Amino acid sequence: MMNKELDNKISQVLSGWGTPSIKSKNTIWLEVAGEINTGTKPLHTYSRWRWVAAACIFAIAASFGAYNVAQVEVISNHQAVNLNLPDGSIVNLNVESKASYNKIGWLFNRSVSLTGEGFFTVKKGEKFSVITKNGNVDVLGTSFNVLARDKKFRVECFTGRVNITTSSSSTVITKGEVVTQSLSKKLIKEIITQPDVQPNWLTGDYSYKNKDLSTVLNDISDHFGIDISTSNKINKLSFTGAWNKTMTLDEVLKIVCLPFNLEASTGDSKTYKLSQKSN
């Protein structure tokens, strides 16, 4: 009689429970016996892990969403703008530039991503990093200018010490020194004989005395966010003169071209070419 009642109990349990065909008779019997003793269906281990995995995925997704919401980005188009950072540091962005940081990430790492050109005045504290596609700049508290536009990479230190790291090399500069990355990715260090307190583009006043025309054209390119091409012979011409940010691009190009009988031609609003005027 006992066996018959037990068989009936087993039949009742199995009637609402699909059993995998790969399980042996002994396995099924042990699971059923366990259920009869507890009065509930056993919770499979894989089910528990499925819920744990789902909870983890949800937590990661929520964190990722919060991180994205905390992203701060500033873009300058045709005029310079400022970005005030949580620690009181300031980024002055030149035209056609972009800087961004994350409010959550900032709690653990003072880091700003830069495309274009920016002048950084950094409050003293933990390491401060500027991340660009050309290389990274690390400081503790100083003022410096970073140009990372297309293939150009240039860092000038105005106060303190600056560490520059690229994929191929690393160097440290101090006040009055500037580092430029060559086409071969080599970092070239130079000393400025009369260092300024901030870059020319920030003051808006550009003055030159016997400077290679290539230097002048680079400043014009960076200020107006354009590309200027010319011959090596013209690049080596020595220029003395001045211009400022209140002038238009056409006015500045005339100042540069007039002493050398040059003319500027363009195919679009972003690309210019300087060449000798034909007689």
Protein backbone atom coordinates (compact mmCIF):
# COMPACT_ATOMS: atom_id res chain seq x y z
CA MET A 1 0.00 0.00 0.00
CA MET A 2 2.83 2.33 0.87
CA ASN A 3 4.45 1.73 -2.51
CA LYS A 4 1.19 2.48 -4.30
CA GLU A 5 0.72 5.77 -2.41
CA LEU A 6 4.33 6.71 -3.20
CA ASP A 7 3.83 5.96 -6.89
CA ASN A 8 0.71 8.13 -6.92
CA LYS A 9 2.65 10.95 -5.27
CA ILE A 10 5.38 10.67 -7.86
CA SER A 11 2.84 10.73 -10.69
CA GLN A 12 1.22 13.88 -9.30
CA VAL A 13 4.58 15.66 -9.08
CA LEU A 14 5.74 14.60 -12.53
CA SER A 15 2.44 15.60 -14.17
CA GLY A 16 3.36 19.32 -13.93
CA TRP A 17 7.08 19.02 -14.40
CA GLY A 18 8.80 18.50 -17.73
CA THR A 19 11.95 16.43 -17.27
CA PRO A 20 14.87 16.59 -19.67
CA SER A 21 15.22 13.38 -21.64
CA ILE A 22 18.94 13.20 -20.89
CA LYS A 23 18.38 12.63 -17.19
CA SER A 24 18.65 9.06 -15.88
CA LYS A 25 15.95 7.34 -13.90
CA ASN A 26 18.01 7.51 -10.71
CA THR A 27 18.57 11.26 -11.14
CA ILE A 28 14.86 11.88 -11.60
CA TRP A 29 14.04 9.75 -8.59
CA LEU A 30 16.48 11.71 -6.38
CA GLU A 31 15.04 15.06 -7.50
CA VAL A 32 11.47 13.83 -6.94
CA ALA A 33 12.34 12.42 -3.54
CA GLY A 34 13.86 15.77 -2.61
CA GLU A 35 10.72 17.57 -3.71
CA ILE A 36 8.47 15.17 -1.75
CA ASN A 37 10.51 15.80 1.40
CA THR A 38 10.51 19.62 1.09
CA GLY A 39 7.15 20.09 -0.55
CA THR A 40 8.66 22.48 -3.16
CA LYS A 41 10.34 22.20 -6.53
CA PRO A 42 14.19 22.37 -6.28
CA LEU A 43 15.71 25.59 -7.64
CA HIS A 44 18.22 24.71 -10.31
CA THR A 45 21.71 26.20 -9.93
CA TYR A 46 21.70 27.49 -13.50
CA SER A 47 18.51 29.48 -12.77
CA ARG A 48 20.15 31.22 -9.82
CA TRP A 49 23.17 32.13 -11.93
CA ARG A 50 20.89 33.42 -14.67
CA TRP A 51 19.32 35.89 -12.25
CA VAL A 52 22.71 36.90 -10.89
CA ALA A 53 23.98 37.50 -14.44
CA ALA A 54 20.88 39.53 -15.28
CA ALA A 55 21.37 41.67 -12.17
CA CYS A 56 25.03 42.27 -13.06
CA ILE A 57 24.15 43.25 -16.63
CA PHE A 58 21.50 45.66 -15.35
CA ALA A 59 23.97 47.22 -12.91
CA ILE A 60 26.60 47.64 -15.65
CA ALA A 61 24.06 49.14 -18.03
CA ALA A 62 22.85 51.56 -15.35
CA SER A 63 26.44 52.57 -14.53
CA PHE A 64 27.26 53.03 -18.21
CA GLY A 65 24.18 55.21 -18.68
CA ALA A 66 25.06 57.33 -15.65
CA TYR A 67 28.64 57.71 -16.91
CA ASN A 68 27.41 58.95 -20.29
CA VAL A 69 25.03 61.42 -18.67
CA ALA A 70 27.96 62.77 -16.63
CA GLN A 71 29.97 63.53 -19.80
CA VAL A 72 30.70 67.25 -20.29
CA GLU A 73 31.79 68.49 -23.71
CA VAL A 74 32.55 72.01 -24.97
CA ILE A 75 33.06 72.84 -28.65
CA SER A 76 34.35 76.14 -30.00
CA ASN A 77 33.49 76.94 -33.58
CA HIS A 78 34.33 80.46 -34.75
CA GLN A 79 35.33 81.99 -31.43
CA ALA A 80 37.33 81.00 -28.35
CA VAL A 81 35.44 79.69 -25.30
CA ASN A 82 36.31 78.73 -21.72
CA LEU A 83 35.74 75.46 -19.87
CA ASN A 84 35.72 75.62 -16.05
CA LEU A 85 36.69 72.31 -14.46
CA PRO A 86 35.42 70.96 -11.10
CA ASP A 87 38.71 71.64 -9.26
CA GLY A 88 38.90 75.28 -10.39
CA SER A 89 41.26 74.62 -13.30
CA ILE A 90 40.43 76.44 -16.53
CA VAL A 91 40.74 75.49 -20.19
CA ASN A 92 40.73 78.31 -22.75
CA LEU A 93 39.76 76.73 -26.07
CA ASN A 94 40.93 78.19 -29.35
CA VAL A 95 38.59 78.22 -32.37
CA GLU A 96 37.67 74.90 -34.02
CA SER A 97 38.53 72.94 -30.86
CA LYS A 98 36.83 70.51 -28.50
CA ALA A 99 37.43 69.52 -24.87
CA SER A 100 35.58 67.03 -22.70
CA TYR A 101 35.71 65.36 -19.29
CA ASN A 102 33.48 63.12 -17.19
CA LYS A 103 32.08 64.26 -13.83
CA ILE A 104 32.16 60.74 -12.42
CA GLY A 105 35.59 59.90 -13.82
CA TRP A 106 36.90 63.23 -12.49
CA LEU A 107 36.40 61.98 -8.90
CA PHE A 108 39.16 59.43 -9.51
CA ASN A 109 41.27 61.00 -12.23
CA ARG A 110 41.69 64.61 -13.37
CA SER A 111 41.62 64.03 -17.11
CA VAL A 112 40.53 66.15 -20.09
CA SER A 113 40.32 65.03 -23.72
CA LEU A 114 41.34 67.64 -26.29
CA THR A 115 41.03 68.03 -30.03
CA GLY A 116 42.37 71.31 -31.43
CA GLU A 117 44.13 73.84 -29.19
CA GLY A 118 43.72 74.81 -25.56
CA PHE A 119 45.53 76.84 -22.89
CA PHE A 120 45.37 75.12 -19.50
CA THR A 121 45.67 76.80 -16.11
CA VAL A 122 45.77 73.90 -13.68
CA LYS A 123 45.20 74.03 -9.92
CA LYS A 124 47.73 72.11 -7.84
CA GLY A 125 46.64 68.66 -6.72
CA GLU A 126 46.74 65.11 -8.01
CA LYS A 127 48.05 64.42 -11.51
CA PHE A 128 46.22 66.29 -14.27
CA SER A 129 46.20 64.76 -17.75
CA VAL A 130 45.36 66.07 -21.20
CA ILE A 131 44.57 63.24 -23.60
CA THR A 132 44.96 63.78 -27.36
CA LYS A 133 45.26 61.42 -30.33
CA ASN A 134 48.83 62.68 -30.88
CA GLY A 135 50.09 62.26 -27.31
CA ASN A 136 49.35 62.87 -23.63
CA VAL A 137 50.39 65.70 -21.30
CA ASP A 138 50.70 65.16 -17.52
CA VAL A 139 51.19 67.85 -14.85
CA LEU A 140 50.54 68.51 -11.16
CA GLY A 141 49.82 72.22 -11.35
CA THR A 142 51.00 74.63 -14.02
CA SER A 143 49.98 76.58 -17.12
CA PHE A 144 50.65 75.29 -20.60
CA ASN A 145 49.33 75.33 -24.15
CA VAL A 146 48.52 72.21 -26.17
CA LEU A 147 47.97 72.10 -29.92
CA ALA A 148 46.73 68.74 -31.20
CA ARG A 149 45.09 69.37 -34.55
CA ASP A 150 45.29 66.77 -37.33
CA LYS A 151 48.98 65.79 -37.53
CA LYS A 152 50.21 68.81 -35.54
CA PHE A 153 51.25 68.32 -31.92
CA ARG A 154 52.85 71.15 -29.97
CA VAL A 155 53.12 71.78 -26.21
CA GLU A 156 54.43 75.01 -24.68
CA CYS A 157 55.06 75.42 -20.94
CA PHE A 158 54.44 78.81 -19.31
CA THR A 159 54.82 77.84 -15.62
CA GLY A 160 55.79 74.67 -13.73
CA ARG A 161 56.75 71.40 -15.38
CA VAL A 162 55.03 69.40 -18.10
CA ASN A 163 55.54 65.77 -19.06
CA ILE A 164 54.74 64.84 -22.68
CA THR A 165 54.28 61.22 -23.72
CA THR A 166 53.66 59.84 -27.21
CA SER A 167 53.59 56.32 -28.59
CA SER A 168 57.32 56.50 -29.34
CA SER A 169 58.94 58.86 -26.82
CA SER A 170 58.61 60.98 -23.69
CA THR A 171 60.13 64.24 -22.42
CA VAL A 172 59.76 66.92 -19.75
CA ILE A 173 59.70 70.67 -20.36
CA THR A 174 59.70 73.67 -18.02
CA LYS A 175 58.85 77.38 -18.32
CA GLY A 176 60.02 78.86 -21.61
CA GLU A 177 60.35 75.53 -23.40
CA VAL A 178 58.25 74.11 -26.21
CA VAL A 179 58.02 70.64 -27.73
CA THR A 180 56.94 69.95 -31.32
CA GLN A 181 56.33 66.54 -32.86
CA SER A 182 58.02 66.03 -36.22
CA LEU A 183 56.55 64.06 -39.11
CA SER A 184 58.69 61.12 -38.00
CA LYS A 185 56.97 61.27 -34.56
CA LYS A 186 60.14 62.55 -32.89
CA LEU A 187 59.70 65.14 -30.11
CA ILE A 188 61.80 68.26 -30.74
CA LYS A 189 62.47 70.56 -27.76
CA GLU A 190 63.16 74.28 -28.18
CA ILE A 191 63.85 77.16 -25.79
CA ILE A 192 61.93 80.42 -26.15
CA THR A 193 64.27 83.35 -25.46
CA GLN A 194 61.49 85.71 -24.38
CA PRO A 195 58.64 83.54 -23.08
CA ASP A 196 55.18 85.07 -22.79
CA VAL A 197 52.74 84.60 -19.93
CA GLN A 198 50.16 83.09 -22.27
CA PRO A 199 49.93 82.11 -25.96
CA ASN A 200 49.44 84.69 -28.71
CA TRP A 201 46.08 83.30 -29.76
CA LEU A 202 44.70 83.97 -26.28
CA THR A 203 45.79 87.60 -26.17
CA GLY A 204 44.79 88.00 -29.82
CA ASP A 205 47.95 89.98 -30.67
CA TYR A 206 50.49 88.40 -33.04
CA SER A 207 53.80 90.18 -33.52
CA TYR A 208 56.84 88.93 -35.47
CA LYS A 209 60.38 90.13 -36.04
CA ASN A 210 62.42 88.31 -38.69
CA LYS A 211 60.37 85.12 -38.30
CA ASP A 212 60.15 82.42 -40.95
CA LEU A 213 56.93 82.86 -42.89
CA SER A 214 56.08 79.23 -42.09
CA THR A 215 55.72 80.20 -38.40
CA VAL A 216 53.39 83.06 -39.31
CA LEU A 217 51.29 80.87 -41.59
CA ASN A 218 51.00 78.22 -38.86
CA ASP A 219 49.61 80.82 -36.47
CA ILE A 220 47.11 82.01 -39.09
CA SER A 221 46.08 78.43 -39.83
CA ASP A 222 45.53 77.61 -36.17
CA HIS A 223 43.71 80.85 -35.37
CA PHE A 224 41.24 80.64 -38.25
CA GLY A 225 41.03 76.84 -38.40
CA ILE A 226 42.22 76.58 -42.03
CA ASP A 227 44.98 74.89 -44.04
CA ILE A 228 47.57 77.02 -45.87
CA SER A 229 50.00 75.42 -48.29
CA THR A 230 52.93 76.97 -50.14
CA SER A 231 56.42 76.18 -51.42
CA ASN A 232 59.48 75.60 -49.21
CA LYS A 233 61.07 78.69 -50.73
CA ILE A 234 58.17 80.89 -49.61
CA ASN A 235 58.08 79.23 -46.16
CA LYS A 236 61.66 80.33 -45.52
CA LEU A 237 61.01 84.00 -46.24
CA SER A 238 61.67 86.27 -43.25
CA PHE A 239 58.63 88.22 -42.05
CA THR A 240 58.34 91.26 -39.78
CA GLY A 241 54.90 92.58 -38.95
CA ALA A 242 51.81 92.14 -36.79
CA TRP A 243 48.11 91.29 -36.85
CA ASN A 244 45.39 90.72 -34.27
CA LYS A 245 42.19 88.75 -33.75
CA THR A 246 39.93 91.65 -34.66
CA MET A 247 41.02 91.37 -38.29
CA THR A 248 39.37 89.16 -40.89
CA LEU A 249 41.22 86.35 -42.62
CA ASP A 250 41.40 88.35 -45.87
CA GLU A 251 42.96 91.31 -44.04
CA VAL A 252 45.58 89.11 -42.37
CA LEU A 253 46.50 87.36 -45.62
CA LYS A 254 46.99 90.73 -47.31
CA ILE A 255 49.39 91.81 -44.53
CA VAL A 256 51.44 88.66 -45.06
CA CYS A 257 51.32 88.55 -48.86
CA LEU A 258 51.97 92.20 -49.69
CA PRO A 259 55.69 92.42 -48.69
CA PHE A 260 56.56 89.39 -50.84
CA ASN A 261 54.26 90.01 -53.81
CA LEU A 262 52.27 86.85 -53.00
CA GLU A 263 48.67 85.99 -53.68
CA ALA A 264 46.27 83.66 -51.88
CA SER A 265 43.91 81.38 -53.75
CA THR A 266 41.32 78.99 -52.37
CA GLY A 267 39.22 76.07 -53.55
CA ASP A 268 36.97 76.19 -50.49
CA SER A 269 36.64 78.07 -47.21
CA LYS A 270 39.12 75.83 -45.37
CA THR A 271 42.02 75.41 -47.82
CA TYR A 272 44.30 78.17 -49.11
CA LYS A 273 47.44 78.28 -51.20
CA LEU A 274 50.05 81.06 -51.32
CA SER A 275 52.05 81.54 -54.51
CA GLN A 276 54.13 84.17 -56.24
CA LYS A 277 52.13 86.64 -58.32
CA SER A 278 52.76 86.39 -62.02
CA ASN A 279 54.13 89.55 -63.66
